[in-house]
Amino acid sequence: MESYKNQRFRARLGFALRGFAHALRSEASLRVQALAGAAALVALLVLRPAPVWWALVLLASAAVVSAELFNTAIEHLADLLHPQQSPDVRVLKDCAAAGVLIAVLGALGVAVALLVHLLDSI
């Protein structure tokens, strides 16, 4: 196994992109989240809100994708270290999934706030 420590930026970027690509291939929920993020970007391009809304929507979208990636990493690590069924591992995975849920709810809150703002501007 290659060492991930003290690598040049280009190598570390490659590790990150490889992990993202693997997660996209293996996790249907990440594909859904990435598609939702792309739809949010298209909506921003069409609606052209103020820059602060761009920042909020893009940060919320990045938080959701990041939470999904952490969830995937935690699930894979838990399965590797404890392949048999375990109530403790179930709690660990449930908590990681809850983190994704909270990020998604936050992103939905941003979307609702943006829609309210845009409707008030009409």
PDB file of N, CA and C in Angstrom:
ATOM      1  N   MET A   1       0.847  -1.185   0.000  1.00  0.00           N
ATOM      2  CA  MET A   1       0.000   0.000   0.000  1.00  0.00           C
ATOM      3  C   MET A   1       0.887   1.240   0.000  1.00  0.00           C
ATOM      4  N   GLU A   2       0.569   2.150  -0.895  1.00  0.00           N
ATOM      5  CA  GLU A   2       1.380   3.358  -0.975  1.00  0.00           C
ATOM      6  C   GLU A   2       1.090   4.279   0.201  1.00  0.00           C
ATOM      7  N   SER A   3       2.102   5.034   0.579  1.00  0.00           N
ATOM      8  CA  SER A   3       1.938   5.963   1.689  1.00  0.00           C
ATOM      9  C   SER A   3       1.193   7.208   1.208  1.00  0.00           C
ATOM     10  N   TYR A   4       0.215   7.618   1.979  1.00  0.00           N
ATOM     11  CA  TYR A   4      -0.547   8.816   1.641  1.00  0.00           C
ATOM     12  C   TYR A   4       0.029  10.059   2.308  1.00  0.00           C
ATOM     13  N   LYS A   5       0.953   9.871   3.232  1.00  0.00           N
ATOM     14  CA  LYS A   5       1.521  11.005   3.964  1.00  0.00           C
ATOM     15  C   LYS A   5       2.655  11.635   3.162  1.00  0.00           C
ATOM     16  N   ASN A   6       2.773  12.937   3.320  1.00  0.00           N
ATOM     17  CA  ASN A   6       3.883  13.706   2.747  1.00  0.00           C
ATOM     18  C   ASN A   6       4.006  13.560   1.241  1.00  0.00           C
ATOM     19  N   GLN A   7       2.880  13.450   0.567  1.00  0.00           N
ATOM     20  CA  GLN A   7       2.874  13.392  -0.895  1.00  0.00           C
ATOM     21  C   GLN A   7       2.695  14.802  -1.446  1.00  0.00           C
ATOM     22  N   ARG A   8       3.090  14.976  -2.673  1.00  0.00           N
ATOM     23  CA  ARG A   8       2.884  16.262  -3.341  1.00  0.00           C
ATOM     24  C   ARG A   8       1.383  16.494  -3.540  1.00  0.00           C
ATOM     25  N   PHE A   9       1.033  17.758  -3.733  1.00  0.00           N
ATOM     26  CA  PHE A   9      -0.375  18.128  -3.887  1.00  0.00           C
ATOM     27  C   PHE A   9      -1.033  17.346  -5.018  1.00  0.00           C
ATOM     28  N   ARG A  10      -0.353  17.223  -6.138  1.00  0.00           N
ATOM     29  CA  ARG A  10      -0.930  16.522  -7.296  1.00  0.00           C
ATOM     30  C   ARG A  10      -1.274  15.079  -6.938  1.00  0.00           C
ATOM     31  N   ALA A  11      -0.429  14.403  -6.188  1.00  0.00           N
ATOM     32  CA  ALA A  11      -0.706  13.026  -5.781  1.00  0.00           C
ATOM     33  C   ALA A  11      -1.897  12.976  -4.831  1.00  0.00           C
ATOM     34  N   ARG A  12      -1.949  13.908  -3.871  1.00  0.00           N
ATOM     35  CA  ARG A  12      -3.064  13.933  -2.912  1.00  0.00           C
ATOM     36  C   ARG A  12      -4.377  14.244  -3.617  1.00  0.00           C
ATOM     37  N   LEU A  13      -4.325  15.132  -4.610  1.00  0.00           N
ATOM     38  CA  LEU A  13      -5.516  15.430  -5.395  1.00  0.00           C
ATOM     39  C   LEU A  13      -5.980  14.172  -6.133  1.00  0.00           C
ATOM     40  N   GLY A  14      -5.030  13.416  -6.657  1.00  0.00           N
ATOM     41  CA  GLY A  14      -5.361  12.156  -7.330  1.00  0.00           C
ATOM     42  C   GLY A  14      -6.031  11.175  -6.384  1.00  0.00           C
ATOM     43  N   PHE A  15      -5.540  11.076  -5.145  1.00  0.00           N
ATOM     44  CA  PHE A  15      -6.164  10.191  -4.153  1.00  0.00           C
ATOM     45  C   PHE A  15      -7.616  10.611  -3.916  1.00  0.00           C
ATOM     46  N   ALA A  16      -7.823  11.915  -3.771  1.00  0.00           N
ATOM     47  CA  ALA A  16      -9.166  12.427  -3.500  1.00  0.00           C
ATOM     48  C   ALA A  16     -10.102  12.164  -4.676  1.00  0.00           C
ATOM     49  N   LEU A  17      -9.627  12.412  -5.876  1.00  0.00           N
ATOM     50  CA  LEU A  17     -10.462  12.182  -7.051  1.00  0.00           C
ATOM     51  C   LEU A  17     -10.765  10.699  -7.237  1.00  0.00           C
ATOM     52  N   ARG A  18      -9.794   9.860  -6.936  1.00  0.00           N
ATOM     53  CA  ARG A  18     -10.018   8.415  -7.014  1.00  0.00           C
ATOM     54  C   ARG A  18     -11.085   7.986  -6.008  1.00  0.00           C
ATOM     55  N   GLY A  19     -11.026   8.526  -4.800  1.00  0.00           N
ATOM     56  CA  GLY A  19     -12.036   8.209  -3.798  1.00  0.00           C
ATOM     57  C   GLY A  19     -13.411   8.696  -4.204  1.00  0.00           C
ATOM     58  N   PHE A  20     -13.474   9.909  -4.750  1.00  0.00           N
ATOM     59  CA  PHE A  20     -14.754  10.450  -5.195  1.00  0.00           C
ATOM     60  C   PHE A  20     -15.329   9.610  -6.322  1.00  0.00           C
ATOM     61  N   ALA A  21     -14.491   9.220  -7.278  1.00  0.00           N
ATOM     62  CA  ALA A  21     -14.951   8.397  -8.400  1.00  0.00           C
ATOM     63  C   ALA A  21     -15.450   7.041  -7.901  1.00  0.00           C
ATOM     64  N   HIS A  22     -14.728   6.436  -6.965  1.00  0.00           N
ATOM     65  CA  HIS A  22     -15.164   5.145  -6.411  1.00  0.00           C
ATOM     66  C   HIS A  22     -16.523   5.289  -5.733  1.00  0.00           C
ATOM     67  N   ALA A  23     -16.668   6.333  -4.940  1.00  0.00           N
ATOM     68  CA  ALA A  23     -17.938   6.542  -4.231  1.00  0.00           C
ATOM     69  C   ALA A  23     -19.076   6.788  -5.218  1.00  0.00           C
ATOM     70  N   LEU A  24     -18.828   7.531  -6.275  1.00  0.00           N
ATOM     71  CA  LEU A  24     -19.865   7.757  -7.284  1.00  0.00           C
ATOM     72  C   LEU A  24     -20.282   6.450  -7.948  1.00  0.00           C
ATOM     73  N   ARG A  25     -19.319   5.579  -8.210  1.00  0.00           N
ATOM     74  CA  ARG A  25     -19.638   4.290  -8.841  1.00  0.00           C
ATOM     75  C   ARG A  25     -20.394   3.363  -7.897  1.00  0.00           C
ATOM     76  N   SER A  26     -20.069   3.410  -6.621  1.00  0.00           N
ATOM     77  CA  SER A  26     -20.589   2.400  -5.694  1.00  0.00           C
ATOM     78  C   SER A  26     -21.780   2.841  -4.852  1.00  0.00           C
ATOM     79  N   GLU A  27     -22.039   4.130  -4.775  1.00  0.00           N
ATOM     80  CA  GLU A  27     -23.095   4.633  -3.886  1.00  0.00           C
ATOM     81  C   GLU A  27     -24.190   5.359  -4.666  1.00  0.00           C
ATOM     82  N   ALA A  28     -25.353   4.733  -4.750  1.00  0.00           N
ATOM     83  CA  ALA A  28     -26.480   5.340  -5.472  1.00  0.00           C
ATOM     84  C   ALA A  28     -26.898   6.657  -4.830  1.00  0.00           C
ATOM     85  N   SER A  29     -26.863   6.717  -3.507  1.00  0.00           N
ATOM     86  CA  SER A  29     -27.290   7.942  -2.837  1.00  0.00           C
ATOM     87  C   SER A  29     -26.351   9.101  -3.165  1.00  0.00           C
ATOM     88  N   LEU A  30     -25.069   8.839  -3.331  1.00  0.00           N
ATOM     89  CA  LEU A  30     -24.141   9.907  -3.704  1.00  0.00           C
ATOM     90  C   LEU A  30     -24.434  10.396  -5.122  1.00  0.00           C
ATOM     91  N   ARG A  31     -24.781   9.472  -6.008  1.00  0.00           N
ATOM     92  CA  ARG A  31     -25.142   9.882  -7.364  1.00  0.00           C
ATOM     93  C   ARG A  31     -26.372  10.792  -7.334  1.00  0.00           C
ATOM     94  N   VAL A  32     -27.350  10.462  -6.492  1.00  0.00           N
ATOM     95  CA  VAL A  32     -28.541  11.304  -6.357  1.00  0.00           C
ATOM     96  C   VAL A  32     -28.152  12.678  -5.819  1.00  0.00           C
ATOM     97  N   GLN A  33     -27.295  12.694  -4.790  1.00  0.00           N
ATOM     98  CA  GLN A  33     -26.874  13.974  -4.192  1.00  0.00           C
ATOM     99  C   GLN A  33     -26.090  14.816  -5.201  1.00  0.00           C
ATOM    100  N   ALA A  34     -25.224  14.170  -5.976  1.00  0.00           N
ATOM    101  CA  ALA A  34     -24.446  14.893  -6.981  1.00  0.00           C
ATOM    102  C   ALA A  34     -25.359  15.453  -8.071  1.00  0.00           C
ATOM    103  N   LEU A  35     -26.365  14.679  -8.451  1.00  0.00           N
ATOM    104  CA  LEU A  35     -27.328  15.150  -9.444  1.00  0.00           C
ATOM    105  C   LEU A  35     -28.120  16.333  -8.897  1.00  0.00           C
ATOM    106  N   ALA A  36     -28.517  16.270  -7.634  1.00  0.00           N
ATOM    107  CA  ALA A  36     -29.228  17.392  -7.005  1.00  0.00           C
ATOM    108  C   ALA A  36     -28.332  18.626  -6.960  1.00  0.00           C
ATOM    109  N   GLY A  37     -27.055  18.435  -6.672  1.00  0.00           N
ATOM    110  CA  GLY A  37     -26.117  19.561  -6.673  1.00  0.00           C
ATOM    111  C   GLY A  37     -25.972  20.180  -8.056  1.00  0.00           C
ATOM    112  N   ALA A  38     -25.931  19.324  -9.085  1.00  0.00           N
ATOM    113  CA  ALA A  38     -25.854  19.832 -10.456  1.00  0.00           C
ATOM    114  C   ALA A  38     -27.131  20.590 -10.818  1.00  0.00           C
ATOM    115  N   ALA A  39     -28.277  20.085 -10.378  1.00  0.00           N
ATOM    116  CA  ALA A  39     -29.547  20.778 -10.626  1.00  0.00           C
ATOM    117  C   ALA A  39     -29.569  22.129  -9.915  1.00  0.00           C
ATOM    118  N   ALA A  40     -29.011  22.170  -8.713  1.00  0.00           N
ATOM    119  CA  ALA A  40     -28.943  23.444  -7.981  1.00  0.00           C
ATOM    120  C   ALA A  40     -28.070  24.443  -8.736  1.00  0.00           C
ATOM    121  N   LEU A  41     -26.980  23.966  -9.306  1.00  0.00           N
ATOM    122  CA  LEU A  41     -26.101  24.854 -10.076  1.00  0.00           C
ATOM    123  C   LEU A  41     -26.826  25.393 -11.312  1.00  0.00           C
ATOM    124  N   VAL A  42     -27.560  24.530 -11.993  1.00  0.00           N
ATOM    125  CA  VAL A  42     -28.337  24.971 -13.156  1.00  0.00           C
ATOM    126  C   VAL A  42     -29.378  26.008 -12.722  1.00  0.00           C
ATOM    127  N   ALA A  43     -30.043  25.755 -11.594  1.00  0.00           N
ATOM    128  CA  ALA A  43     -31.037  26.712 -11.086  1.00  0.00           C
ATOM    129  C   ALA A  43     -30.386  28.064 -10.793  1.00  0.00           C
ATOM    130  N   LEU A  44     -29.189  28.044 -10.223  1.00  0.00           N
ATOM    131  CA  LEU A  44     -28.480  29.299  -9.961  1.00  0.00           C
ATOM    132  C   LEU A  44     -28.173  30.040 -11.257  1.00  0.00           C
ATOM    133  N   LEU A  45     -27.759  29.299 -12.267  1.00  0.00           N
ATOM    134  CA  LEU A  45     -27.438  29.924 -13.555  1.00  0.00           C
ATOM    135  C   LEU A  45     -28.674  30.541 -14.203  1.00  0.00           C
ATOM    136  N   VAL A  46     -29.822  29.884 -14.042  1.00  0.00           N
ATOM    137  CA  VAL A  46     -31.063  30.379 -14.638  1.00  0.00           C
ATOM    138  C   VAL A  46     -31.633  31.545 -13.828  1.00  0.00           C
ATOM    139  N   LEU A  47     -31.677  31.383 -12.509  1.00  0.00           N
ATOM    140  CA  LEU A  47     -32.321  32.375 -11.649  1.00  0.00           C
ATOM    141  C   LEU A  47     -31.449  33.603 -11.379  1.00  0.00           C
ATOM    142  N   ARG A  48     -30.148  33.433 -11.436  1.00  0.00           N
ATOM    143  CA  ARG A  48     -29.167  34.500 -11.239  1.00  0.00           C
ATOM    144  C   ARG A  48     -29.409  35.311  -9.965  1.00  0.00           C
ATOM    145  N   PRO A  49     -29.433  34.629  -8.810  1.00  0.00           N
ATOM    146  CA  PRO A  49     -29.628  35.370  -7.552  1.00  0.00           C
ATOM    147  C   PRO A  49     -28.350  36.128  -7.173  1.00  0.00           C
ATOM    148  N   ALA A  50     -28.445  36.874  -6.081  1.00  0.00           N
ATOM    149  CA  ALA A  50     -27.290  37.629  -5.577  1.00  0.00           C
ATOM    150  C   ALA A  50     -26.160  36.663  -5.195  1.00  0.00           C
ATOM    151  N   PRO A  51     -24.933  37.155  -5.195  1.00  0.00           N
ATOM    152  CA  PRO A  51     -23.785  36.295  -4.879  1.00  0.00           C
ATOM    153  C   PRO A  51     -23.895  35.553  -3.545  1.00  0.00           C
ATOM    154  N   VAL A  52     -24.526  36.162  -2.548  1.00  0.00           N
ATOM    155  CA  VAL A  52     -24.639  35.487  -1.261  1.00  0.00           C
ATOM    156  C   VAL A  52     -25.449  34.193  -1.398  1.00  0.00           C
ATOM    157  N   TRP A  53     -26.446  34.189  -2.275  1.00  0.00           N
ATOM    158  CA  TRP A  53     -27.239  32.974  -2.491  1.00  0.00           C
ATOM    159  C   TRP A  53     -26.420  31.906  -3.202  1.00  0.00           C
ATOM    160  N   TRP A  54     -25.569  32.320  -4.128  1.00  0.00           N
ATOM    161  CA  TRP A  54     -24.655  31.372  -4.763  1.00  0.00           C
ATOM    162  C   TRP A  54     -23.795  30.694  -3.692  1.00  0.00           C
ATOM    163  N   ALA A  55     -23.254  31.510  -2.821  1.00  0.00           N
ATOM    164  CA  ALA A  55     -22.385  30.963  -1.771  1.00  0.00           C
ATOM    165  C   ALA A  55     -23.156  30.001  -0.883  1.00  0.00           C
ATOM    166  N   LEU A  56     -24.352  30.393  -0.455  1.00  0.00           N
ATOM    167  CA  LEU A  56     -25.142  29.530   0.437  1.00  0.00           C
ATOM    168  C   LEU A  56     -25.516  28.207  -0.232  1.00  0.00           C
ATOM    169  N   VAL A  57     -25.982  28.281  -1.464  1.00  0.00           N
ATOM    170  CA  VAL A  57     -26.401  27.058  -2.171  1.00  0.00           C
ATOM    171  C   VAL A  57     -25.207  26.153  -2.436  1.00  0.00           C
ATOM    172  N   LEU A  58     -24.101  26.729  -2.881  1.00  0.00           N
ATOM    173  CA  LEU A  58     -22.927  25.905  -3.175  1.00  0.00           C
ATOM    174  C   LEU A  58     -22.325  25.304  -1.900  1.00  0.00           C
ATOM    175  N   LEU A  59     -22.297  26.064  -0.817  1.00  0.00           N
ATOM    176  CA  LEU A  59     -21.813  25.518   0.456  1.00  0.00           C
ATOM    177  C   LEU A  59     -22.721  24.406   0.977  1.00  0.00           C
ATOM    178  N   ALA A  60     -24.034  24.617   0.868  1.00  0.00           N
ATOM    179  CA  ALA A  60     -24.973  23.587   1.317  1.00  0.00           C
ATOM    180  C   ALA A  60     -24.824  22.319   0.469  1.00  0.00           C
ATOM    181  N   SER A  61     -24.670  22.485  -0.834  1.00  0.00           N
ATOM    182  CA  SER A  61     -24.491  21.327  -1.719  1.00  0.00           C
ATOM    183  C   SER A  61     -23.190  20.592  -1.404  1.00  0.00           C
ATOM    184  N   ALA A  62     -22.135  21.348  -1.166  1.00  0.00           N
ATOM    185  CA  ALA A  62     -20.847  20.733  -0.818  1.00  0.00           C
ATOM    186  C   ALA A  62     -20.938  20.013   0.518  1.00  0.00           C
ATOM    187  N   ALA A  63     -21.688  20.566   1.464  1.00  0.00           N
ATOM    188  CA  ALA A  63     -21.856  19.907   2.765  1.00  0.00           C
ATOM    189  C   ALA A  63     -22.564  18.573   2.612  1.00  0.00           C
ATOM    190  N   VAL A  64     -23.568  18.520   1.753  1.00  0.00           N
ATOM    191  CA  VAL A  64     -24.304  17.264   1.548  1.00  0.00           C
ATOM    192  C   VAL A  64     -23.395  16.208   0.919  1.00  0.00           C
ATOM    193  N   VAL A  65     -22.689  16.586  -0.123  1.00  0.00           N
ATOM    194  CA  VAL A  65     -21.798  15.625  -0.790  1.00  0.00           C
ATOM    195  C   VAL A  65     -20.688  15.187   0.166  1.00  0.00           C
ATOM    196  N   SER A  66     -20.139  16.119   0.929  1.00  0.00           N
ATOM    197  CA  SER A  66     -19.101  15.760   1.905  1.00  0.00           C
ATOM    198  C   SER A  66     -19.641  14.808   2.962  1.00  0.00           C
ATOM    199  N   ALA A  67     -20.822  15.093   3.468  1.00  0.00           N
ATOM    200  CA  ALA A  67     -21.422  14.205   4.473  1.00  0.00           C
ATOM    201  C   ALA A  67     -21.634  12.811   3.892  1.00  0.00           C
ATOM    202  N   GLU A  68     -22.070  12.742   2.654  1.00  0.00           N
ATOM    203  CA  GLU A  68     -22.282  11.441   1.997  1.00  0.00           C
ATOM    204  C   GLU A  68     -20.955  10.698   1.834  1.00  0.00           C
ATOM    205  N   LEU A  69     -19.895  11.423   1.509  1.00  0.00           N
ATOM    206  CA  LEU A  69     -18.578  10.788   1.372  1.00  0.00           C
ATOM    207  C   LEU A  69     -18.065  10.280   2.724  1.00  0.00           C
ATOM    208  N   PHE A  70     -18.240  11.084   3.777  1.00  0.00           N
ATOM    209  CA  PHE A  70     -17.853  10.622   5.121  1.00  0.00           C
ATOM    210  C   PHE A  70     -18.665   9.402   5.526  1.00  0.00           C
ATOM    211  N   ASN A  71     -19.949   9.418   5.232  1.00  0.00           N
ATOM    212  CA  ASN A  71     -20.812   8.287   5.540  1.00  0.00           C
ATOM    213  C   ASN A  71     -20.313   7.024   4.827  1.00  0.00           C
ATOM    214  N   THR A  72     -19.977   7.165   3.567  1.00  0.00           N
ATOM    215  CA  THR A  72     -19.464   6.029   2.793  1.00  0.00           C
ATOM    216  C   THR A  72     -18.166   5.504   3.399  1.00  0.00           C
ATOM    217  N   ALA A  73     -17.264   6.410   3.751  1.00  0.00           N
ATOM    218  CA  ALA A  73     -15.991   5.998   4.340  1.00  0.00           C
ATOM    219  C   ALA A  73     -16.202   5.282   5.674  1.00  0.00           C
ATOM    220  N   ILE A  74     -17.084   5.817   6.498  1.00  0.00           N
ATOM    221  CA  ILE A  74     -17.364   5.196   7.805  1.00  0.00           C
ATOM    222  C   ILE A  74     -17.969   3.819   7.621  1.00  0.00           C
ATOM    223  N   GLU A  75     -18.926   3.693   6.691  1.00  0.00           N
ATOM    224  CA  GLU A  75     -19.548   2.387   6.452  1.00  0.00           C
ATOM    225  C   GLU A  75     -18.528   1.363   5.976  1.00  0.00           C
ATOM    226  N   HIS A  76     -17.670   1.767   5.035  1.00  0.00           N
ATOM    227  CA  HIS A  76     -16.662   0.828   4.520  1.00  0.00           C
ATOM    228  C   HIS A  76     -15.670   0.427   5.615  1.00  0.00           C
ATOM    229  N   LEU A  77     -15.241   1.382   6.414  1.00  0.00           N
ATOM    230  CA  LEU A  77     -14.302   1.082   7.490  1.00  0.00           C
ATOM    231  C   LEU A  77     -14.947   0.165   8.531  1.00  0.00           C
ATOM    232  N   ALA A  78     -16.189   0.446   8.884  1.00  0.00           N
ATOM    233  CA  ALA A  78     -16.892  -0.386   9.864  1.00  0.00           C
ATOM    234  C   ALA A  78     -17.054  -1.813   9.343  1.00  0.00           C
ATOM    235  N   ASP A  79     -17.394  -1.952   8.060  1.00  0.00           N
ATOM    236  CA  ASP A  79     -17.549  -3.293   7.481  1.00  0.00           C
ATOM    237  C   ASP A  79     -16.220  -4.034   7.424  1.00  0.00           C
ATOM    238  N   LEU A  80     -15.150  -3.296   7.158  1.00  0.00           N
ATOM    239  CA  LEU A  80     -13.829  -3.914   7.101  1.00  0.00           C
ATOM    240  C   LEU A  80     -13.382  -4.394   8.479  1.00  0.00           C
ATOM    241  N   LEU A  81     -13.576  -3.560   9.486  1.00  0.00           N
ATOM    242  CA  LEU A  81     -13.105  -3.888  10.831  1.00  0.00           C
ATOM    243  C   LEU A  81     -14.027  -4.834  11.582  1.00  0.00           C
ATOM    244  N   HIS A  82     -15.308  -4.832  11.217  1.00  0.00           N
ATOM    245  CA  HIS A  82     -16.286  -5.638  11.953  1.00  0.00           C
ATOM    246  C   HIS A  82     -17.309  -6.193  10.963  1.00  0.00           C
ATOM    247  N   PRO A  83     -16.923  -7.203  10.151  1.00  0.00           N
ATOM    248  CA  PRO A  83     -17.807  -7.686   9.087  1.00  0.00           C
ATOM    249  C   PRO A  83     -19.097  -8.362   9.582  1.00  0.00           C
ATOM    250  N   GLN A  84     -19.092  -8.884  10.783  1.00  0.00           N
ATOM    251  CA  GLN A  84     -20.303  -9.523  11.294  1.00  0.00           C
ATOM    252  C   GLN A  84     -21.270  -8.478  11.850  1.00  0.00           C
ATOM    253  N   GLN A  85     -22.538  -8.868  11.968  1.00  0.00           N
ATOM    254  CA  GLN A  85     -23.554  -7.964  12.503  1.00  0.00           C
ATOM    255  C   GLN A  85     -23.209  -7.582  13.943  1.00  0.00           C
ATOM    256  N   SER A  86     -23.414  -6.305  14.259  1.00  0.00           N
ATOM    257  CA  SER A  86     -23.127  -5.828  15.601  1.00  0.00           C
ATOM    258  C   SER A  86     -24.026  -4.633  15.906  1.00  0.00           C
ATOM    259  N   PRO A  87     -24.636  -4.620  17.089  1.00  0.00           N
ATOM    260  CA  PRO A  87     -25.447  -3.453  17.455  1.00  0.00           C
ATOM    261  C   PRO A  87     -24.614  -2.165  17.503  1.00  0.00           C
ATOM    262  N   ASP A  88     -23.367  -2.255  17.918  1.00  0.00           N
ATOM    263  CA  ASP A  88     -22.509  -1.064  17.980  1.00  0.00           C
ATOM    264  C   ASP A  88     -22.214  -0.515  16.589  1.00  0.00           C
ATOM    265  N   VAL A  89     -21.953  -1.403  15.633  1.00  0.00           N
ATOM    266  CA  VAL A  89     -21.681  -0.967  14.263  1.00  0.00           C
ATOM    267  C   VAL A  89     -22.950  -0.373  13.657  1.00  0.00           C
ATOM    268  N   ARG A  90     -24.106  -0.947  13.988  1.00  0.00           N
ATOM    269  CA  ARG A  90     -25.370  -0.407  13.493  1.00  0.00           C
ATOM    270  C   ARG A  90     -25.564   1.032  13.973  1.00  0.00           C
ATOM    271  N   VAL A  91     -25.277   1.277  15.254  1.00  0.00           N
ATOM    272  CA  VAL A  91     -25.403   2.633  15.801  1.00  0.00           C
ATOM    273  C   VAL A  91     -24.430   3.580  15.087  1.00  0.00           C
ATOM    274  N   LEU A  92     -23.213   3.118  14.862  1.00  0.00           N
ATOM    275  CA  LEU A  92     -22.208   3.928  14.159  1.00  0.00           C
ATOM    276  C   LEU A  92     -22.703   4.312  12.769  1.00  0.00           C
ATOM    277  N   LYS A  93     -23.211   3.333  12.032  1.00  0.00           N
ATOM    278  CA  LYS A  93     -23.704   3.605  10.679  1.00  0.00           C
ATOM    279  C   LYS A  93     -24.944   4.486  10.700  1.00  0.00           C
ATOM    280  N   ASP A  94     -25.819   4.254  11.668  1.00  0.00           N
ATOM    281  CA  ASP A  94     -27.019   5.084  11.784  1.00  0.00           C
ATOM    282  C   ASP A  94     -26.662   6.540  12.066  1.00  0.00           C
ATOM    283  N   CYS A  95     -25.687   6.750  12.927  1.00  0.00           N
ATOM    284  CA  CYS A  95     -25.253   8.119  13.237  1.00  0.00           C
ATOM    285  C   CYS A  95     -24.635   8.787  12.009  1.00  0.00           C
ATOM    286  N   ALA A  96     -23.852   8.042  11.246  1.00  0.00           N
ATOM    287  CA  ALA A  96     -23.265   8.603  10.023  1.00  0.00           C
ATOM    288  C   ALA A  96     -24.365   8.965   9.021  1.00  0.00           C
ATOM    289  N   ALA A  97     -25.365   8.100   8.900  1.00  0.00           N
ATOM    290  CA  ALA A  97     -26.489   8.386   8.006  1.00  0.00           C
ATOM    291  C   ALA A  97     -27.272   9.603   8.499  1.00  0.00           C
ATOM    292  N   ALA A  98     -27.395   9.747   9.812  1.00  0.00           N
ATOM    293  CA  ALA A  98     -28.091  10.909  10.378  1.00  0.00           C
ATOM    294  C   ALA A  98     -27.347  12.195  10.029  1.00  0.00           C
ATOM    295  N   GLY A  99     -26.035  12.136   9.972  1.00  0.00           N
ATOM    296  CA  GLY A  99     -25.256  13.304   9.566  1.00  0.00           C
ATOM    297  C   GLY A  99     -25.594  13.736   8.148  1.00  0.00           C
ATOM    298  N   VAL A 100     -25.782  12.759   7.262  1.00  0.00           N
ATOM    299  CA  VAL A 100     -26.187  13.071   5.896  1.00  0.00           C
ATOM    300  C   VAL A 100     -27.576  13.705   5.901  1.00  0.00           C
ATOM    301  N   LEU A 101     -28.484  13.123   6.675  1.00  0.00           N
ATOM    302  CA  LEU A 101     -29.846  13.651   6.754  1.00  0.00           C
ATOM    303  C   LEU A 101     -29.848  15.112   7.219  1.00  0.00           C
ATOM    304  N   ILE A 102     -29.062  15.417   8.238  1.00  0.00           N
ATOM    305  CA  ILE A 102     -29.002  16.794   8.752  1.00  0.00           C
ATOM    306  C   ILE A 102     -28.460  17.738   7.676  1.00  0.00           C
ATOM    307  N   ALA A 103     -27.441  17.312   6.948  1.00  0.00           N
ATOM    308  CA  ALA A 103     -26.893  18.151   5.875  1.00  0.00           C
ATOM    309  C   ALA A 103     -27.932  18.376   4.780  1.00  0.00           C
ATOM    310  N   VAL A 104     -28.674  17.334   4.435  1.00  0.00           N
ATOM    311  CA  VAL A 104     -29.711  17.459   3.410  1.00  0.00           C
ATOM    312  C   VAL A 104     -30.807  18.419   3.878  1.00  0.00           C
ATOM    313  N   LEU A 105     -31.225  18.283   5.132  1.00  0.00           N
ATOM    314  CA  LEU A 105     -32.258  19.186   5.658  1.00  0.00           C
ATOM    315  C   LEU A 105     -31.777  20.637   5.657  1.00  0.00           C
ATOM    316  N   GLY A 106     -30.505  20.850   5.984  1.00  0.00           N
ATOM    317  CA  GLY A 106     -29.942  22.191   5.924  1.00  0.00           C
ATOM    318  C   GLY A 106     -29.947  22.740   4.506  1.00  0.00           C
ATOM    319  N   ALA A 107     -29.599  21.888   3.539  1.00  0.00           N
ATOM    320  CA  ALA A 107     -29.600  22.314   2.139  1.00  0.00           C
ATOM    321  C   ALA A 107     -31.020  22.631   1.670  1.00  0.00           C
ATOM    322  N   LEU A 108     -31.974  21.827   2.103  1.00  0.00           N
ATOM    323  CA  LEU A 108     -33.368  22.112   1.754  1.00  0.00           C
ATOM    324  C   LEU A 108     -33.826  23.430   2.367  1.00  0.00           C
ATOM    325  N   GLY A 109     -33.357  23.710   3.584  1.00  0.00           N
ATOM    326  CA  GLY A 109     -33.669  24.989   4.215  1.00  0.00           C
ATOM    327  C   GLY A 109     -33.144  26.158   3.410  1.00  0.00           C
ATOM    328  N   VAL A 110     -31.938  26.022   2.887  1.00  0.00           N
ATOM    329  CA  VAL A 110     -31.364  27.070   2.038  1.00  0.00           C
ATOM    330  C   VAL A 110     -32.201  27.229   0.769  1.00  0.00           C
ATOM    331  N   ALA A 111     -32.615  26.108   0.178  1.00  0.00           N
ATOM    332  CA  ALA A 111     -33.428  26.163  -1.044  1.00  0.00           C
ATOM    333  C   ALA A 111     -34.758  26.862  -0.789  1.00  0.00           C
ATOM    334  N   VAL A 112     -35.395  26.530   0.323  1.00  0.00           N
ATOM    335  CA  VAL A 112     -36.668  27.178   0.659  1.00  0.00           C
ATOM    336  C   VAL A 112     -36.462  28.673   0.890  1.00  0.00           C
ATOM    337  N   ALA A 113     -35.429  29.027   1.613  1.00  0.00           N
ATOM    338  CA  ALA A 113     -35.147  30.445   1.858  1.00  0.00           C
ATOM    339  C   ALA A 113     -34.893  31.189   0.557  1.00  0.00           C
ATOM    340  N   LEU A 114     -34.176  30.561  -0.371  1.00  0.00           N
ATOM    341  CA  LEU A 114     -33.931  31.194  -1.665  1.00  0.00           C
ATOM    342  C   LEU A 114     -35.249  31.381  -2.421  1.00  0.00           C
ATOM    343  N   LEU A 115     -36.097  30.366  -2.433  1.00  0.00           N
ATOM    344  CA  LEU A 115     -37.379  30.487  -3.128  1.00  0.00           C
ATOM    345  C   LEU A 115     -38.244  31.585  -2.519  1.00  0.00           C
ATOM    346  N   VAL A 116     -38.286  31.671  -1.209  1.00  0.00           N
ATOM    347  CA  VAL A 116     -39.053  32.728  -0.539  1.00  0.00           C
ATOM    348  C   VAL A 116     -38.494  34.091  -0.939  1.00  0.00           C
ATOM    349  N   HIS A 117     -37.169  34.200  -0.923  1.00  0.00           N
ATOM    350  CA  HIS A 117     -36.531  35.463  -1.318  1.00  0.00           C
ATOM    351  C   HIS A 117     -36.889  35.844  -2.754  1.00  0.00           C
ATOM    352  N   LEU A 118     -36.830  34.867  -3.647  1.00  0.00           N
ATOM    353  CA  LEU A 118     -37.128  35.152  -5.061  1.00  0.00           C
ATOM    354  C   LEU A 118     -38.595  35.498  -5.255  1.00  0.00           C
ATOM    355  N   LEU A 119     -39.476  34.815  -4.544  1.00  0.00           N
ATOM    356  CA  LEU A 119     -40.912  35.120  -4.668  1.00  0.00           C
ATOM    357  C   LEU A 119     -41.244  36.492  -4.095  1.00  0.00           C
ATOM    358  N   ASP A 120     -40.534  36.900  -3.039  1.00  0.00           N
ATOM    359  CA  ASP A 120     -40.737  38.242  -2.476  1.00  0.00           C
ATOM    360  C   ASP A 120     -40.244  39.332  -3.422  1.00  0.00           C
ATOM    361  N   SER A 121     -39.294  38.972  -4.301  1.00  0.00           N
ATOM    362  CA  SER A 121     -38.709  39.939  -5.219  1.00  0.00           C
ATOM    363  C   SER A 121     -39.586  40.180  -6.436  1.00  0.00           C
ATOM    364  N   ILE A 122     -40.599  39.363  -6.623  1.00  0.00           N
ATOM    365  CA  ILE A 122     -41.457  39.475  -7.817  1.00  0.00           C
ATOM    366  C   ILE A 122     -42.426  40.624  -7.663  1.00  0.00           C
TER     367      ILE A 122
END
